[in-house]
Amino acid sequence: MKNLSKLLLFISIPTLIMSCSDDDDSFDDPIFEGESVTYDLRSVADPSISGEATFVEQEDGSTIIELNIMGTPDGGMHPAHIHENTAAEGGDIAISLDPVDGSTGMSTTIVSADDNGNAVTFEELTSYDGYINVHLSAEELDTIVAQGDIGENVLTGESLSYDLDERAVEGISGTVMFEERMNGEALAT
């Protein structure tokens, strides 16, 4: 019996030592899961082209911007930019994005600064006063194939519509619709 106890002790000590380790996997920081926001990009010059822009927060503060455009012609390269202001107002280019490959409709850009070198975070981009343009080509930047407001300019879904009655000119009437933006401003159409 004594020998059996010694044998069990002899076997159990190495097993106990091997089961103890300094590997603290159970105490590691949780895996970073950044937020993401998706914006619609509507057709402009060609009604068959539209898509979306997805902003994905990265642990280092940068943002991955993925453009997925449907209907682009094979072989073309379509420059894309984030511009200042709303799409209705227009504005200067703030951030150049990688061009959209017409064959795949895809573009992926990691953004940590604007074109002037100023640092920009995911939070700043997703509350930015701006919009995205996807252009026909580098030679034809005036032709916009897809466009969408981002950040504070996104529409909330709240709207009011009013009839515009005929007045001074016979036969002219219409409607006006006011759509609320995230920043509290309105888009009138």
Protein backbone atom coordinates (compact mmCIF):
# COMPACT_ATOMS: atom_id res chain seq x y z
CA MET A 1 0.00 0.00 0.00
CA LYS A 2 2.85 2.36 0.81
CA ASN A 3 4.40 1.66 -2.56
CA LEU A 4 1.08 2.32 -4.29
CA SER A 5 0.75 5.67 -2.50
CA LYS A 6 4.31 6.61 -3.48
CA LEU A 7 3.63 5.58 -7.07
CA LEU A 8 0.45 7.69 -7.23
CA LEU A 9 2.30 10.64 -5.69
CA PHE A 10 5.15 10.15 -8.16
CA ILE A 11 2.73 10.18 -11.12
CA SER A 12 0.51 13.02 -9.87
CA ILE A 13 3.27 15.58 -9.16
CA PRO A 14 4.54 15.83 -12.78
CA THR A 15 0.93 15.94 -14.02
CA LEU A 16 0.18 18.78 -11.61
CA ILE A 17 3.31 20.66 -12.66
CA MET A 18 2.55 20.21 -16.36
CA SER A 19 -0.99 21.47 -15.91
CA CYS A 20 0.26 24.68 -14.33
CA SER A 21 1.66 27.13 -16.83
CA ASP A 22 2.37 30.81 -17.03
CA ASP A 23 0.14 31.08 -20.15
CA ASP A 24 -2.49 33.63 -19.21
CA ASP A 25 -4.70 33.18 -22.30
CA SER A 26 -7.82 33.37 -20.19
CA PHE A 27 -6.81 36.86 -19.05
CA ASP A 28 -5.91 38.35 -22.44
CA ASP A 29 -7.60 41.56 -23.51
CA PRO A 30 -10.73 40.86 -25.51
CA ILE A 31 -10.36 40.94 -29.28
CA PHE A 32 -11.00 44.43 -30.63
CA GLU A 33 -14.27 44.59 -32.50
CA GLY A 34 -14.60 48.04 -33.99
CA GLU A 35 -17.83 49.69 -34.99
CA SER A 36 -18.92 50.03 -38.59
CA VAL A 37 -21.25 52.39 -40.44
CA THR A 38 -22.61 51.96 -43.97
CA TYR A 39 -23.72 54.80 -46.24
CA ASP A 40 -25.71 54.54 -49.48
CA LEU A 41 -24.14 55.78 -52.69
CA ARG A 42 -26.83 56.62 -55.22
CA SER A 43 -26.57 56.78 -59.00
CA VAL A 44 -25.92 60.16 -60.59
CA ALA A 45 -24.81 60.02 -64.26
CA ASP A 46 -25.85 56.40 -64.93
CA PRO A 47 -28.99 55.03 -63.23
CA SER A 48 -27.57 51.48 -63.29
CA ILE A 49 -24.62 52.38 -61.02
CA SER A 50 -25.08 52.56 -57.23
CA GLY A 51 -23.55 51.06 -54.13
CA GLU A 52 -22.44 51.65 -50.59
CA ALA A 53 -19.51 52.82 -48.49
CA THR A 54 -18.70 50.99 -45.28
CA PHE A 55 -16.51 52.63 -42.63
CA VAL A 56 -14.88 50.13 -40.24
CA GLU A 57 -13.15 51.31 -37.05
CA GLN A 58 -9.65 49.90 -36.45
CA GLU A 59 -7.92 49.44 -33.12
CA ASP A 60 -5.18 51.96 -33.99
CA GLY A 61 -7.80 54.69 -34.62
CA SER A 62 -7.66 54.44 -38.40
CA THR A 63 -10.68 53.61 -40.55
CA ILE A 64 -11.04 51.12 -43.37
CA ILE A 65 -13.34 52.55 -46.03
CA GLU A 66 -14.74 49.91 -48.35
CA LEU A 67 -16.61 51.02 -51.46
CA ASN A 68 -18.81 48.43 -53.16
CA ILE A 69 -20.28 49.80 -56.39
CA MET A 70 -22.61 47.78 -58.61
CA GLY A 71 -22.90 48.40 -62.36
CA THR A 72 -19.42 49.77 -63.07
CA PRO A 73 -18.00 48.89 -66.51
CA ASP A 74 -15.29 46.20 -66.65
CA GLY A 75 -11.76 47.53 -66.89
CA GLY A 76 -12.46 51.09 -65.78
CA MET A 77 -10.86 52.75 -62.77
CA HIS A 78 -13.13 55.20 -60.97
CA PRO A 79 -11.51 57.81 -58.68
CA ALA A 80 -13.29 58.30 -55.36
CA HIS A 81 -13.06 61.08 -52.77
CA ILE A 82 -14.60 62.36 -49.58
CA HIS A 83 -15.60 65.98 -50.16
CA GLU A 84 -16.43 68.76 -47.70
CA ASN A 85 -20.10 69.82 -47.15
CA THR A 86 -23.21 68.08 -48.42
CA ALA A 87 -23.56 66.64 -51.91
CA ALA A 88 -26.22 69.29 -52.61
CA GLU A 89 -23.79 72.11 -51.69
CA GLY A 90 -20.63 70.64 -53.21
CA GLY A 91 -17.18 71.11 -51.76
CA ASP A 92 -13.45 70.56 -52.06
CA ILE A 93 -11.80 67.14 -51.84
CA ALA A 94 -10.84 66.38 -48.25
CA ILE A 95 -9.71 62.74 -48.50
CA SER A 96 -8.67 60.83 -51.61
CA LEU A 97 -9.76 57.19 -51.62
CA ASP A 98 -8.32 54.34 -53.66
CA PRO A 99 -10.06 54.16 -57.07
CA VAL A 100 -12.94 51.73 -57.57
CA ASP A 101 -11.95 48.85 -59.84
CA GLY A 102 -14.66 48.72 -62.51
CA SER A 103 -14.26 44.96 -62.94
CA THR A 104 -14.99 44.20 -59.27
CA GLY A 105 -16.75 47.39 -58.17
CA MET A 106 -14.53 47.40 -55.08
CA SER A 107 -12.15 49.82 -53.40
CA THR A 108 -10.52 49.53 -49.97
CA THR A 109 -8.67 52.44 -48.36
CA ILE A 110 -7.16 52.74 -44.88
CA VAL A 111 -7.66 56.33 -43.70
CA SER A 112 -5.80 57.86 -40.77
CA ALA A 113 -5.38 61.41 -42.12
CA ASP A 114 -6.96 63.80 -44.60
CA ASP A 115 -5.16 64.94 -47.76
CA ASN A 116 -3.52 67.79 -45.80
CA GLY A 117 -1.97 65.34 -43.32
CA ASN A 118 -4.32 66.13 -40.42
CA ALA A 119 -5.12 63.05 -38.33
CA VAL A 120 -8.70 61.82 -38.63
CA THR A 121 -10.37 59.11 -36.54
CA PHE A 122 -13.36 56.83 -37.13
CA GLU A 123 -15.49 59.01 -34.83
CA GLU A 124 -14.52 62.14 -36.76
CA LEU A 125 -15.27 60.51 -40.13
CA THR A 126 -18.65 59.17 -39.04
CA SER A 127 -19.71 62.63 -37.84
CA TYR A 128 -17.99 64.49 -40.70
CA ASP A 129 -19.69 67.25 -42.72
CA GLY A 130 -19.05 65.57 -46.04
CA TYR A 131 -20.05 63.31 -48.90
CA ILE A 132 -18.46 60.72 -51.19
CA ASN A 133 -18.15 61.04 -54.97
CA VAL A 134 -17.19 58.18 -57.30
CA HIS A 135 -16.15 59.63 -60.68
CA LEU A 136 -16.23 58.14 -64.18
CA SER A 137 -12.44 58.41 -64.66
CA ALA A 138 -9.41 60.51 -63.76
CA GLU A 139 -9.90 62.40 -67.02
CA GLU A 140 -13.63 62.92 -66.42
CA LEU A 141 -13.88 63.99 -62.77
CA ASP A 142 -16.91 66.16 -63.63
CA THR A 143 -18.91 63.00 -64.41
CA ILE A 144 -20.06 61.52 -61.10
CA VAL A 145 -21.33 57.94 -61.28
CA ALA A 146 -22.24 57.47 -57.59
CA GLN A 147 -22.59 59.86 -54.66
CA GLY A 148 -23.74 59.87 -51.06
CA ASP A 149 -23.76 62.05 -47.97
CA ILE A 150 -21.85 60.78 -44.92
CA GLY A 151 -21.55 61.63 -41.24
CA GLU A 152 -23.73 64.47 -40.00
CA ASN A 153 -25.26 64.94 -43.47
CA VAL A 154 -27.05 61.58 -43.59
CA LEU A 155 -30.83 61.83 -43.77
CA THR A 156 -32.76 60.65 -40.70
CA GLY A 157 -35.82 59.43 -42.59
CA GLU A 158 -38.01 62.23 -41.23
CA SER A 159 -39.59 64.35 -43.95
CA LEU A 160 -42.41 66.78 -44.72
CA SER A 161 -43.93 67.38 -48.13
CA TYR A 162 -45.97 70.35 -49.31
CA ASP A 163 -47.92 71.03 -52.51
CA LEU A 164 -46.88 74.05 -54.55
CA ASP A 165 -49.97 75.46 -56.21
CA GLU A 166 -50.17 77.21 -59.53
CA ARG A 167 -49.70 81.00 -59.22
CA ALA A 168 -48.43 83.55 -61.74
CA VAL A 169 -47.79 81.11 -64.58
CA GLU A 170 -50.61 78.83 -65.61
CA GLY A 171 -49.81 75.09 -65.60
CA ILE A 172 -46.81 75.25 -63.26
CA SER A 173 -47.23 73.52 -59.89
CA GLY A 174 -45.40 70.87 -57.92
CA THR A 175 -44.31 69.70 -54.49
CA VAL A 176 -41.43 70.42 -52.15
CA MET A 177 -40.08 67.87 -49.68
CA PHE A 178 -37.94 68.75 -46.65
CA GLU A 179 -35.81 65.88 -45.30
CA GLU A 180 -34.06 66.14 -41.93
CA ARG A 181 -30.31 65.52 -41.71
CA MET A 182 -28.52 64.04 -38.66
CA ASN A 183 -27.13 67.52 -37.90
CA GLY A 184 -30.67 69.02 -37.76
CA GLU A 185 -30.43 70.79 -41.13
CA ALA A 186 -32.82 69.99 -43.96
CA LEU A 187 -32.52 69.01 -47.59
CA ALA A 188 -35.19 70.62 -49.78
CA THR A 189 -36.17 68.81 -52.95
